[in-house]
Amino acid sequence: MAKNTQPILKRCKTLGISPAVLGVSKETKRNPKQSRRKQSEYALQLNEKQKVKFIYGVLETPFRRYYEKAEKMEGKTGEMLLQQLERRLDNVVFRLGFAKTRREARQLTSHGHFTVNGQKVNIPSYLVKPGDVVAVCEKSRSSAKFKALIEELGSASTPKWLEREKDSFEGKVVALPQRDDIDYEVAEHLIVELYSK
């Protein structure tokens, strides 16, 4: 399985995003280089696409598929693209607080630590839908890692499209994610412009 192995802090600095978006609490100590050159329209569009791909850990081919699917959906293409990415199982695991970063959520999902509606799912790109219940597997609940994580979380807030009880090993998808549920700055219209050339 292909994966992105770029150093997180270095890539965040390049793309101009906060490492906190990825669940990383460290900050880079390097001073960002000030570019005097004005970025071209294409460079801005490409940077926005690379930023979203990096945040969700999606490579070019699946990202392109998400875009093509979003084009066929009702509504704004850019918003539909972000909605699909937010609905990925690894992202939902991260947003529910069952993992500290999206990368960790992807790894835990691949190792079969989660169920969707009682069925074990080990596909990080699985798209959840309203009504789905995402839970930590019974076997995994007794592990020190998940016990510590649940204690650490307490009643940490989750986005309004997800629901999780305090000290609970499961969460529910109550609605589809909306544009204002995105927790980072993104100009999705630039991605649409890039792909529609």
N, C-alpha and C. Protein backbone atom coordinates (compact mmCIF):
# COMPACT_ATOMS: atom_id res chain seq x y z
N MET A 1 0.85 -1.19 0.00
CA MET A 1 0.00 0.00 0.00
C MET A 1 0.88 1.24 0.00
N ALA A 2 0.65 2.16 -0.95
CA ALA A 2 1.43 3.39 -1.04
C ALA A 2 1.07 4.32 0.10
N LYS A 3 2.08 5.03 0.61
CA LYS A 3 1.80 5.99 1.68
C LYS A 3 2.76 7.16 1.59
N ASN A 4 2.35 8.27 2.17
CA ASN A 4 3.15 9.48 2.17
C ASN A 4 4.09 9.44 3.36
N THR A 5 5.40 9.53 3.11
CA THR A 5 6.37 9.46 4.21
C THR A 5 7.12 10.78 4.40
N GLN A 6 6.57 11.85 3.88
CA GLN A 6 7.23 13.15 4.02
C GLN A 6 7.26 13.60 5.48
N PRO A 7 8.33 14.30 5.90
CA PRO A 7 8.38 14.82 7.27
C PRO A 7 7.24 15.83 7.48
N ILE A 8 6.45 15.63 8.52
CA ILE A 8 5.24 16.44 8.73
C ILE A 8 5.55 17.92 8.89
N LEU A 9 6.46 18.29 9.80
CA LEU A 9 6.72 19.70 10.07
C LEU A 9 7.26 20.43 8.85
N LYS A 10 8.15 19.78 8.13
CA LYS A 10 8.75 20.39 6.93
C LYS A 10 7.68 20.64 5.88
N ARG A 11 6.82 19.63 5.68
CA ARG A 11 5.75 19.75 4.67
C ARG A 11 4.72 20.80 5.07
N CYS A 12 4.40 20.86 6.36
CA CYS A 12 3.45 21.88 6.85
C CYS A 12 3.97 23.28 6.58
N LYS A 13 5.27 23.48 6.82
CA LYS A 13 5.89 24.79 6.59
C LYS A 13 5.80 25.15 5.11
N THR A 14 6.11 24.18 4.24
CA THR A 14 6.07 24.41 2.79
C THR A 14 4.67 24.78 2.32
N LEU A 15 3.67 24.07 2.84
CA LEU A 15 2.28 24.29 2.40
C LEU A 15 1.58 25.41 3.15
N GLY A 16 2.24 25.92 4.20
CA GLY A 16 1.67 27.04 4.96
C GLY A 16 0.49 26.65 5.84
N ILE A 17 0.53 25.43 6.43
CA ILE A 17 -0.54 25.00 7.33
C ILE A 17 0.02 24.73 8.72
N SER A 18 -0.85 24.83 9.71
CA SER A 18 -0.43 24.58 11.08
C SER A 18 -0.36 23.07 11.33
N PRO A 19 0.70 22.59 11.99
CA PRO A 19 0.78 21.15 12.30
C PRO A 19 -0.38 20.68 13.18
N ALA A 20 -1.03 21.61 13.89
CA ALA A 20 -2.16 21.26 14.76
C ALA A 20 -3.31 20.65 13.96
N VAL A 21 -3.45 21.06 12.70
CA VAL A 21 -4.50 20.52 11.81
C VAL A 21 -4.33 19.01 11.66
N LEU A 22 -3.07 18.55 11.68
CA LEU A 22 -2.78 17.12 11.53
C LEU A 22 -2.74 16.41 12.88
N GLY A 23 -2.98 17.15 13.95
CA GLY A 23 -2.96 16.54 15.29
C GLY A 23 -1.58 16.52 15.90
N VAL A 24 -0.63 17.25 15.29
CA VAL A 24 0.75 17.29 15.79
C VAL A 24 0.92 18.54 16.65
N SER A 25 1.41 18.38 17.87
CA SER A 25 1.53 19.54 18.77
C SER A 25 2.86 20.27 18.64
N LYS A 26 3.84 19.65 17.98
CA LYS A 26 5.14 20.30 17.82
C LYS A 26 5.06 21.42 16.78
N GLU A 27 5.94 22.40 16.93
CA GLU A 27 6.05 23.47 15.95
C GLU A 27 7.45 23.43 15.35
N THR A 28 7.58 23.85 14.12
CA THR A 28 8.90 23.89 13.49
C THR A 28 9.69 25.08 14.04
N LYS A 29 10.98 24.88 14.23
CA LYS A 29 11.83 25.96 14.75
C LYS A 29 12.48 26.75 13.61
N ARG A 30 12.35 26.26 12.40
CA ARG A 30 12.93 26.94 11.25
C ARG A 30 12.11 28.17 10.89
N ASN A 31 12.80 29.21 10.47
CA ASN A 31 12.09 30.41 10.02
C ASN A 31 11.67 30.20 8.57
N PRO A 32 10.40 30.49 8.28
CA PRO A 32 9.97 30.30 6.89
C PRO A 32 10.69 31.28 5.96
N LYS A 33 11.09 30.79 4.80
CA LYS A 33 11.76 31.66 3.83
C LYS A 33 10.72 32.55 3.17
N GLN A 34 11.02 33.82 3.13
CA GLN A 34 10.11 34.76 2.49
C GLN A 34 10.39 34.79 0.99
N SER A 35 9.41 34.43 0.21
CA SER A 35 9.59 34.45 -1.24
C SER A 35 9.17 35.81 -1.78
N ARG A 36 10.04 36.42 -2.56
CA ARG A 36 9.73 37.74 -3.11
C ARG A 36 8.91 37.61 -4.39
N ARG A 37 9.02 36.43 -4.97
CA ARG A 37 8.31 36.22 -6.23
C ARG A 37 6.83 36.02 -5.99
N LYS A 38 6.02 36.64 -6.81
CA LYS A 38 4.58 36.45 -6.70
C LYS A 38 4.23 35.10 -7.30
N GLN A 39 3.40 34.31 -6.59
CA GLN A 39 3.03 32.99 -7.11
C GLN A 39 2.06 33.12 -8.27
N SER A 40 2.25 32.26 -9.26
CA SER A 40 1.34 32.26 -10.40
C SER A 40 0.00 31.65 -9.98
N GLU A 41 -0.98 31.82 -10.81
CA GLU A 41 -2.32 31.27 -10.54
C GLU A 41 -2.25 29.74 -10.42
N TYR A 42 -1.47 29.14 -11.33
CA TYR A 42 -1.31 27.68 -11.31
C TYR A 42 -0.65 27.22 -10.01
N ALA A 43 0.38 27.96 -9.57
CA ALA A 43 1.10 27.59 -8.33
C ALA A 43 0.16 27.64 -7.12
N LEU A 44 -0.71 28.64 -7.08
CA LEU A 44 -1.68 28.76 -5.98
C LEU A 44 -2.65 27.58 -5.98
N GLN A 45 -3.14 27.23 -7.18
CA GLN A 45 -4.08 26.12 -7.32
C GLN A 45 -3.42 24.80 -6.92
N LEU A 46 -2.20 24.58 -7.39
CA LEU A 46 -1.46 23.35 -7.09
C LEU A 46 -1.18 23.25 -5.59
N ASN A 47 -0.78 24.36 -4.97
CA ASN A 47 -0.48 24.38 -3.54
C ASN A 47 -1.71 23.99 -2.72
N GLU A 48 -2.87 24.48 -3.14
CA GLU A 48 -4.12 24.18 -2.42
C GLU A 48 -4.46 22.70 -2.52
N LYS A 49 -4.25 22.14 -3.71
CA LYS A 49 -4.51 20.71 -3.91
C LYS A 49 -3.54 19.87 -3.07
N GLN A 50 -2.25 20.23 -3.10
CA GLN A 50 -1.24 19.49 -2.34
C GLN A 50 -1.53 19.56 -0.84
N LYS A 51 -2.02 20.70 -0.39
CA LYS A 51 -2.34 20.89 1.03
C LYS A 51 -3.44 19.92 1.47
N VAL A 52 -4.53 19.86 0.70
CA VAL A 52 -5.66 18.98 1.06
C VAL A 52 -5.24 17.51 0.98
N LYS A 53 -4.47 17.16 -0.06
CA LYS A 53 -3.99 15.77 -0.20
C LYS A 53 -3.12 15.38 1.00
N PHE A 54 -2.26 16.30 1.44
CA PHE A 54 -1.35 16.02 2.55
C PHE A 54 -2.12 15.87 3.87
N ILE A 55 -3.09 16.75 4.10
CA ILE A 55 -3.87 16.71 5.35
C ILE A 55 -4.58 15.37 5.50
N TYR A 56 -5.20 14.87 4.42
CA TYR A 56 -5.96 13.62 4.51
C TYR A 56 -5.11 12.39 4.18
N GLY A 57 -3.86 12.59 3.76
CA GLY A 57 -2.99 11.45 3.45
C GLY A 57 -3.44 10.69 2.22
N VAL A 58 -3.96 11.42 1.23
CA VAL A 58 -4.47 10.78 0.01
C VAL A 58 -3.50 11.06 -1.14
N LEU A 59 -3.20 10.04 -1.93
CA LEU A 59 -2.32 10.21 -3.08
C LEU A 59 -3.11 10.68 -4.31
N GLU A 60 -2.40 11.00 -5.39
CA GLU A 60 -3.02 11.64 -6.55
C GLU A 60 -4.17 10.85 -7.19
N THR A 61 -3.96 9.55 -7.45
CA THR A 61 -5.00 8.78 -8.15
C THR A 61 -6.32 8.72 -7.38
N PRO A 62 -6.31 8.34 -6.08
CA PRO A 62 -7.59 8.35 -5.37
C PRO A 62 -8.17 9.75 -5.22
N PHE A 63 -7.30 10.76 -5.08
CA PHE A 63 -7.79 12.13 -4.96
C PHE A 63 -8.54 12.54 -6.22
N ARG A 64 -7.97 12.17 -7.36
CA ARG A 64 -8.61 12.47 -8.65
C ARG A 64 -9.98 11.78 -8.73
N ARG A 65 -10.06 10.53 -8.23
CA ARG A 65 -11.34 9.80 -8.23
C ARG A 65 -12.38 10.52 -7.37
N TYR A 66 -11.93 11.02 -6.20
CA TYR A 66 -12.85 11.77 -5.33
C TYR A 66 -13.38 13.00 -6.07
N TYR A 67 -12.49 13.66 -6.81
CA TYR A 67 -12.89 14.86 -7.55
C TYR A 67 -13.92 14.50 -8.62
N GLU A 68 -13.65 13.45 -9.38
CA GLU A 68 -14.57 13.04 -10.46
C GLU A 68 -15.94 12.66 -9.90
N LYS A 69 -15.94 12.00 -8.74
CA LYS A 69 -17.20 11.63 -8.09
C LYS A 69 -17.94 12.88 -7.61
N ALA A 70 -17.16 13.85 -7.08
CA ALA A 70 -17.75 15.10 -6.57
C ALA A 70 -18.40 15.90 -7.69
N GLU A 71 -17.80 15.83 -8.90
CA GLU A 71 -18.35 16.54 -10.06
C GLU A 71 -19.76 16.06 -10.40
N LYS A 72 -20.01 14.76 -10.18
CA LYS A 72 -21.30 14.17 -10.54
C LYS A 72 -22.36 14.38 -9.45
N MET A 73 -21.94 14.82 -8.27
CA MET A 73 -22.87 15.00 -7.15
C MET A 73 -23.57 16.35 -7.24
N GLU A 74 -24.73 16.42 -6.59
CA GLU A 74 -25.46 17.70 -6.55
C GLU A 74 -24.79 18.63 -5.55
N GLY A 75 -24.66 19.89 -5.92
CA GLY A 75 -24.01 20.86 -5.03
C GLY A 75 -22.70 21.34 -5.63
N LYS A 76 -21.98 22.18 -4.86
CA LYS A 76 -20.71 22.72 -5.32
C LYS A 76 -19.65 21.62 -5.32
N THR A 77 -18.94 21.48 -6.42
CA THR A 77 -17.95 20.41 -6.58
C THR A 77 -16.91 20.44 -5.47
N GLY A 78 -16.38 21.62 -5.15
CA GLY A 78 -15.34 21.74 -4.12
C GLY A 78 -15.82 21.27 -2.76
N GLU A 79 -17.06 21.65 -2.41
CA GLU A 79 -17.63 21.26 -1.11
C GLU A 79 -17.90 19.76 -1.06
N MET A 80 -18.37 19.20 -2.18
CA MET A 80 -18.62 17.76 -2.25
C MET A 80 -17.32 16.96 -2.13
N LEU A 81 -16.24 17.51 -2.70
CA LEU A 81 -14.92 16.88 -2.60
C LEU A 81 -14.48 16.82 -1.13
N LEU A 82 -14.58 17.95 -0.43
CA LEU A 82 -14.18 18.01 0.98
C LEU A 82 -15.07 17.11 1.83
N GLN A 83 -16.37 17.04 1.48
CA GLN A 83 -17.30 16.20 2.23
C GLN A 83 -16.90 14.73 2.14
N GLN A 84 -16.51 14.28 0.95
CA GLN A 84 -16.07 12.88 0.77
C GLN A 84 -14.82 12.59 1.59
N LEU A 85 -13.87 13.53 1.56
CA LEU A 85 -12.63 13.34 2.30
C LEU A 85 -12.88 13.29 3.81
N GLU A 86 -13.81 14.11 4.29
CA GLU A 86 -14.16 14.12 5.71
C GLU A 86 -14.83 12.81 6.12
N ARG A 87 -15.55 12.19 5.19
CA ARG A 87 -16.29 10.95 5.49
C ARG A 87 -15.43 9.70 5.47
N ARG A 88 -14.16 9.83 5.08
CA ARG A 88 -13.26 8.67 5.10
C ARG A 88 -13.18 8.11 6.53
N LEU A 89 -13.13 6.79 6.65
CA LEU A 89 -13.12 6.16 7.97
C LEU A 89 -11.92 6.61 8.81
N ASP A 90 -10.73 6.71 8.19
CA ASP A 90 -9.57 7.13 8.98
C ASP A 90 -9.74 8.54 9.53
N ASN A 91 -10.38 9.43 8.74
CA ASN A 91 -10.62 10.79 9.22
C ASN A 91 -11.65 10.80 10.34
N VAL A 92 -12.69 9.98 10.21
CA VAL A 92 -13.74 9.90 11.24
C VAL A 92 -13.16 9.39 12.55
N VAL A 93 -12.28 8.39 12.47
CA VAL A 93 -11.60 7.86 13.66
C VAL A 93 -10.81 8.97 14.35
N PHE A 94 -10.10 9.77 13.54
CA PHE A 94 -9.32 10.89 14.09
C PHE A 94 -10.24 11.94 14.71
N ARG A 95 -11.31 12.30 14.00
CA ARG A 95 -12.22 13.35 14.47
C ARG A 95 -13.00 12.92 15.73
N LEU A 96 -13.21 11.61 15.88
CA LEU A 96 -13.87 11.11 17.10
C LEU A 96 -12.91 11.06 18.28
N GLY A 97 -11.61 11.19 17.97
CA GLY A 97 -10.61 11.20 19.03
C GLY A 97 -10.03 9.84 19.37
N PHE A 98 -10.25 8.84 18.51
CA PHE A 98 -9.70 7.51 18.75
C PHE A 98 -8.24 7.39 18.30
N ALA A 99 -7.71 8.45 17.71
CA ALA A 99 -6.30 8.50 17.31
C ALA A 99 -5.83 9.95 17.43
N LYS A 100 -4.54 10.12 17.67
CA LYS A 100 -4.02 11.47 17.87
C LYS A 100 -3.77 12.21 16.57
N THR A 101 -3.51 11.48 15.49
CA THR A 101 -3.28 12.10 14.18
C THR A 101 -4.02 11.28 13.12
N ARG A 102 -4.18 11.86 11.94
CA ARG A 102 -4.83 11.14 10.85
C ARG A 102 -3.96 9.97 10.39
N ARG A 103 -2.64 10.15 10.45
CA ARG A 103 -1.73 9.05 10.06
C ARG A 103 -1.90 7.87 11.01
N GLU A 104 -1.99 8.17 12.30
CA GLU A 104 -2.18 7.10 13.29
C GLU A 104 -3.54 6.43 13.08
N ALA A 105 -4.56 7.24 12.77
CA ALA A 105 -5.91 6.71 12.53
C ALA A 105 -5.90 5.76 11.33
N ARG A 106 -5.16 6.13 10.31
CA ARG A 106 -5.06 5.28 9.10
C ARG A 106 -4.42 3.94 9.46
N GLN A 107 -3.34 3.99 10.25
CA GLN A 107 -2.63 2.76 10.63
C GLN A 107 -3.52 1.87 11.50
N LEU A 108 -4.20 2.47 12.50
CA LEU A 108 -5.07 1.69 13.39
C LEU A 108 -6.23 1.06 12.61
N THR A 109 -6.76 1.81 11.64
CA THR A 109 -7.86 1.29 10.82
C THR A 109 -7.37 0.11 9.98
N SER A 110 -6.20 0.26 9.36
CA SER A 110 -5.62 -0.81 8.53
C SER A 110 -5.38 -2.08 9.34
N HIS A 111 -5.08 -1.91 10.63
CA HIS A 111 -4.81 -3.07 11.49
C HIS A 111 -6.08 -3.68 12.08
N GLY A 112 -7.24 -3.17 11.65
CA GLY A 112 -8.51 -3.78 12.03
C GLY A 112 -8.98 -3.51 13.45
N HIS A 113 -8.70 -2.31 13.97
CA HIS A 113 -9.11 -1.99 15.35
C HIS A 113 -10.52 -1.40 15.44
N PHE A 114 -11.19 -1.18 14.29
CA PHE A 114 -12.50 -0.51 14.32
C PHE A 114 -13.59 -1.29 13.59
N THR A 115 -14.81 -1.08 14.05
CA THR A 115 -15.97 -1.67 13.39
C THR A 115 -16.90 -0.55 12.93
N VAL A 116 -17.66 -0.82 11.87
CA VAL A 116 -18.71 0.09 11.43
C VAL A 116 -19.99 -0.71 11.46
N ASN A 117 -20.92 -0.30 12.29
CA ASN A 117 -22.20 -1.02 12.48
C ASN A 117 -21.96 -2.48 12.86
N GLY A 118 -20.95 -2.70 13.71
CA GLY A 118 -20.68 -4.05 14.22
C GLY A 118 -19.82 -4.92 13.33
N GLN A 119 -19.52 -4.46 12.10
CA GLN A 119 -18.69 -5.22 11.17
C GLN A 119 -17.28 -4.64 11.14
N LYS A 120 -16.26 -5.50 11.26
CA LYS A 120 -14.89 -5.01 11.23
C LYS A 120 -14.58 -4.45 9.84
N VAL A 121 -14.01 -3.24 9.81
CA VAL A 121 -13.62 -2.60 8.54
C VAL A 121 -12.17 -2.17 8.67
N ASN A 122 -11.32 -2.64 7.74
CA ASN A 122 -9.90 -2.27 7.78
C ASN A 122 -9.48 -1.49 6.55
N ILE A 123 -10.45 -0.77 5.95
CA ILE A 123 -10.17 0.04 4.76
C ILE A 123 -10.26 1.51 5.15
N PRO A 124 -9.12 2.22 5.23
CA PRO A 124 -9.14 3.63 5.66
C PRO A 124 -10.00 4.53 4.78
N SER A 125 -10.14 4.19 3.49
CA SER A 125 -10.90 5.03 2.57
C SER A 125 -12.41 4.75 2.58
N TYR A 126 -12.85 3.81 3.42
CA TYR A 126 -14.28 3.48 3.52
C TYR A 126 -15.06 4.75 3.85
N LEU A 127 -16.12 5.04 3.09
CA LEU A 127 -16.91 6.26 3.34
C LEU A 127 -18.09 5.96 4.25
N VAL A 128 -18.13 6.64 5.39
CA VAL A 128 -19.25 6.44 6.32
C VAL A 128 -20.44 7.27 5.86
N LYS A 129 -21.62 6.92 6.37
CA LYS A 129 -22.82 7.68 6.03
C LYS A 129 -23.62 7.95 7.30
N PRO A 130 -24.56 8.90 7.27
CA PRO A 130 -25.34 9.18 8.48
C PRO A 130 -26.02 7.93 9.01
N GLY A 131 -25.93 7.74 10.32
CA GLY A 131 -26.52 6.56 10.97
C GLY A 131 -25.49 5.50 11.30
N ASP A 132 -24.32 5.57 10.65
CA ASP A 132 -23.25 4.59 10.92
C ASP A 132 -22.68 4.77 12.32
N VAL A 133 -22.41 3.65 12.99
CA VAL A 133 -21.78 3.67 14.31
C VAL A 133 -20.36 3.13 14.17
N VAL A 134 -19.40 3.99 14.48
CA VAL A 134 -17.98 3.60 14.41
C VAL A 134 -17.52 3.32 15.84
N ALA A 135 -16.97 2.11 16.05
CA ALA A 135 -16.56 1.72 17.40
C ALA A 135 -15.21 1.03 17.40
N VAL A 136 -14.55 1.08 18.55
CA VAL A 136 -13.31 0.34 18.74
C VAL A 136 -13.70 -1.12 18.96
N CYS A 137 -13.02 -2.06 18.29
CA CYS A 137 -13.31 -3.50 18.44
C CYS A 137 -13.23 -3.91 19.91
N GLU A 138 -14.06 -4.89 20.28
CA GLU A 138 -14.08 -5.41 21.66
C GLU A 138 -12.68 -5.83 22.11
N LYS A 139 -11.96 -6.56 21.25
CA LYS A 139 -10.61 -7.04 21.58
C LYS A 139 -9.67 -5.89 21.89
N SER A 140 -9.77 -4.82 21.10
CA SER A 140 -8.84 -3.69 21.22
C SER A 140 -9.13 -2.81 22.44
N ARG A 141 -10.35 -2.85 22.94
CA ARG A 141 -10.74 -1.95 24.05
C ARG A 141 -9.92 -2.17 25.30
N SER A 142 -9.46 -3.41 25.51
CA SER A 142 -8.70 -3.71 26.72
C SER A 142 -7.23 -3.32 26.60
N SER A 143 -6.80 -2.91 25.40
CA SER A 143 -5.38 -2.55 25.23
C SER A 143 -5.07 -1.25 25.96
N ALA A 144 -3.85 -1.15 26.45
CA ALA A 144 -3.41 0.03 27.21
C ALA A 144 -3.53 1.29 26.37
N LYS A 145 -3.27 1.17 25.07
CA LYS A 145 -3.30 2.34 24.18
C LYS A 145 -4.68 2.99 24.16
N PHE A 146 -5.72 2.18 23.92
CA PHE A 146 -7.07 2.74 23.83
C PHE A 146 -7.59 3.19 25.19
N LYS A 147 -7.26 2.45 26.25
CA LYS A 147 -7.67 2.87 27.60
C LYS A 147 -7.10 4.25 27.92
N ALA A 148 -5.81 4.44 27.63
CA ALA A 148 -5.14 5.72 27.89
C ALA A 148 -5.74 6.84 27.04
N LEU A 149 -6.06 6.50 25.79
CA LEU A 149 -6.61 7.49 24.87
C LEU A 149 -7.98 7.97 25.33
N ILE A 150 -8.83 7.04 25.76
CA ILE A 150 -10.17 7.39 26.23
C ILE A 150 -10.08 8.26 27.49
N GLU A 151 -9.18 7.90 28.41
CA GLU A 151 -9.00 8.71 29.62
C GLU A 151 -8.51 10.11 29.28
N GLU A 152 -7.58 10.18 28.34
CA GLU A 152 -7.02 11.46 27.90
C GLU A 152 -8.08 12.34 27.28
N LEU A 153 -8.96 11.72 26.51
CA LEU A 153 -9.99 12.46 25.79
C LEU A 153 -11.04 13.08 26.70
N GLY A 154 -11.53 12.27 27.62
CA GLY A 154 -12.63 12.73 28.47
C GLY A 154 -13.79 13.14 27.59
N SER A 155 -14.18 14.39 27.72
CA SER A 155 -15.32 14.88 26.93
C SER A 155 -14.84 15.86 25.86
N ALA A 156 -13.69 15.55 25.25
CA ALA A 156 -13.16 16.42 24.18
C ALA A 156 -14.22 16.60 23.09
N SER A 157 -14.26 17.81 22.54
CA SER A 157 -15.32 18.12 21.57
C SER A 157 -15.10 17.40 20.24
N THR A 158 -16.21 17.05 19.63
CA THR A 158 -16.19 16.44 18.29
C THR A 158 -16.99 17.36 17.37
N PRO A 159 -16.77 17.29 16.06
CA PRO A 159 -17.57 18.13 15.15
C PRO A 159 -19.05 17.81 15.27
N LYS A 160 -19.89 18.77 14.91
CA LYS A 160 -21.34 18.60 15.13
C LYS A 160 -21.97 17.48 14.29
N TRP A 161 -21.28 17.02 13.25
CA TRP A 161 -21.84 15.92 12.45
C TRP A 161 -21.52 14.55 13.04
N LEU A 162 -20.73 14.54 14.12
CA LEU A 162 -20.39 13.29 14.82
C LEU A 162 -20.83 13.40 16.28
N GLU A 163 -21.10 12.25 16.89
CA GLU A 163 -21.57 12.21 18.28
C GLU A 163 -20.79 11.14 19.03
N ARG A 164 -20.24 11.51 20.20
CA ARG A 164 -19.55 10.51 21.01
C ARG A 164 -19.78 10.81 22.49
N GLU A 165 -20.19 9.76 23.21
CA GLU A 165 -20.41 9.91 24.65
C GLU A 165 -19.07 10.02 25.36
N LYS A 166 -19.07 10.67 26.52
CA LYS A 166 -17.85 10.78 27.32
C LYS A 166 -17.40 9.37 27.73
N ASP A 167 -16.09 9.12 27.70
CA ASP A 167 -15.49 7.82 28.06
C ASP A 167 -16.06 6.66 27.25
N SER A 168 -16.52 6.94 26.04
CA SER A 168 -17.14 5.89 25.22
C SER A 168 -16.18 5.41 24.14
N PHE A 169 -16.32 4.11 23.80
CA PHE A 169 -15.49 3.52 22.74
C PHE A 169 -16.20 3.54 21.40
N GLU A 170 -17.31 4.28 21.30
CA GLU A 170 -17.99 4.36 20.00
C GLU A 170 -18.56 5.74 19.74
N GLY A 171 -18.72 6.03 18.46
CA GLY A 171 -19.27 7.30 18.04
C GLY A 171 -20.24 7.07 16.89
N LYS A 172 -21.11 8.04 16.68
CA LYS A 172 -22.13 7.90 15.63
C LYS A 172 -22.05 9.05 14.64
N VAL A 173 -22.26 8.72 13.37
CA VAL A 173 -22.33 9.75 12.32
C VAL A 173 -23.78 10.21 12.29
N VAL A 174 -24.03 11.45 12.70
CA VAL A 174 -25.42 11.92 12.79
C VAL A 174 -25.86 12.71 11.56
N ALA A 175 -24.90 13.19 10.78
CA ALA A 175 -25.24 13.95 9.56
C ALA A 175 -24.05 13.93 8.61
N LEU A 176 -24.24 14.48 7.43
CA LEU A 176 -23.12 14.62 6.50
C LEU A 176 -22.33 15.86 6.90
N PRO A 177 -21.00 15.84 6.79
CA PRO A 177 -20.22 17.04 7.15
C PRO A 177 -20.54 18.20 6.20
N GLN A 178 -20.62 19.40 6.75
CA GLN A 178 -20.89 20.60 5.96
C GLN A 178 -19.60 21.40 5.78
N ARG A 179 -19.64 22.39 4.94
CA ARG A 179 -18.45 23.20 4.65
C ARG A 179 -17.87 23.84 5.92
N ASP A 180 -18.72 24.31 6.82
CA ASP A 180 -18.22 24.97 8.04
C ASP A 180 -17.68 23.99 9.08
N ASP A 181 -17.75 22.67 8.81
CA ASP A 181 -17.17 21.67 9.71
C ASP A 181 -15.69 21.43 9.42
N ILE A 182 -15.19 21.97 8.32
CA ILE A 182 -13.78 21.79 7.96
C ILE A 182 -12.94 22.60 8.95
N ASP A 183 -11.95 21.94 9.57
CA ASP A 183 -11.19 22.58 10.66
C ASP A 183 -9.87 23.23 10.22
N TYR A 184 -9.76 23.58 8.96
CA TYR A 184 -8.55 24.27 8.46
C TYR A 184 -8.97 25.17 7.30
N GLU A 185 -8.11 26.12 6.97
CA GLU A 185 -8.42 27.05 5.88
C GLU A 185 -8.10 26.41 4.54
N VAL A 186 -9.07 26.45 3.66
CA VAL A 186 -8.85 25.89 2.32
C VAL A 186 -9.71 26.65 1.31
N ALA A 187 -9.12 26.92 0.15
CA ALA A 187 -9.87 27.56 -0.94
C ALA A 187 -10.14 26.47 -1.98
N GLU A 188 -11.20 25.70 -1.73
CA GLU A 188 -11.47 24.53 -2.59
C GLU A 188 -11.77 24.89 -4.03
N HIS A 189 -12.21 26.15 -4.28
CA HIS A 189 -12.51 26.55 -5.66
C HIS A 189 -11.23 26.53 -6.53
N LEU A 190 -10.07 26.71 -5.88
CA LEU A 190 -8.81 26.66 -6.64
C LEU A 190 -8.52 25.24 -7.14
N ILE A 191 -8.91 24.24 -6.33
CA ILE A 191 -8.71 22.84 -6.74
C ILE A 191 -9.62 22.52 -7.93
N VAL A 192 -10.85 23.03 -7.85
CA VAL A 192 -11.81 22.81 -8.94
C VAL A 192 -11.29 23.47 -10.22
N GLU A 193 -10.77 24.70 -10.09
CA GLU A 193 -10.22 25.40 -11.25
C GLU A 193 -9.05 24.62 -11.86
N LEU A 194 -8.20 24.06 -11.00
CA LEU A 194 -7.04 23.30 -11.46
C LEU A 194 -7.47 22.08 -12.28
N TYR A 195 -8.43 21.32 -11.75
CA TYR A 195 -8.87 20.10 -12.44
C TYR A 195 -9.75 20.38 -13.66
N SER A 196 -10.39 21.53 -13.69
CA SER A 196 -11.31 21.77 -14.81
C SER A 196 -10.62 22.42 -16.02
N LYS A 197 -9.29 22.55 -15.93
CA LYS A 197 -8.55 23.13 -17.08
C LYS A 197 -8.51 22.14 -18.24
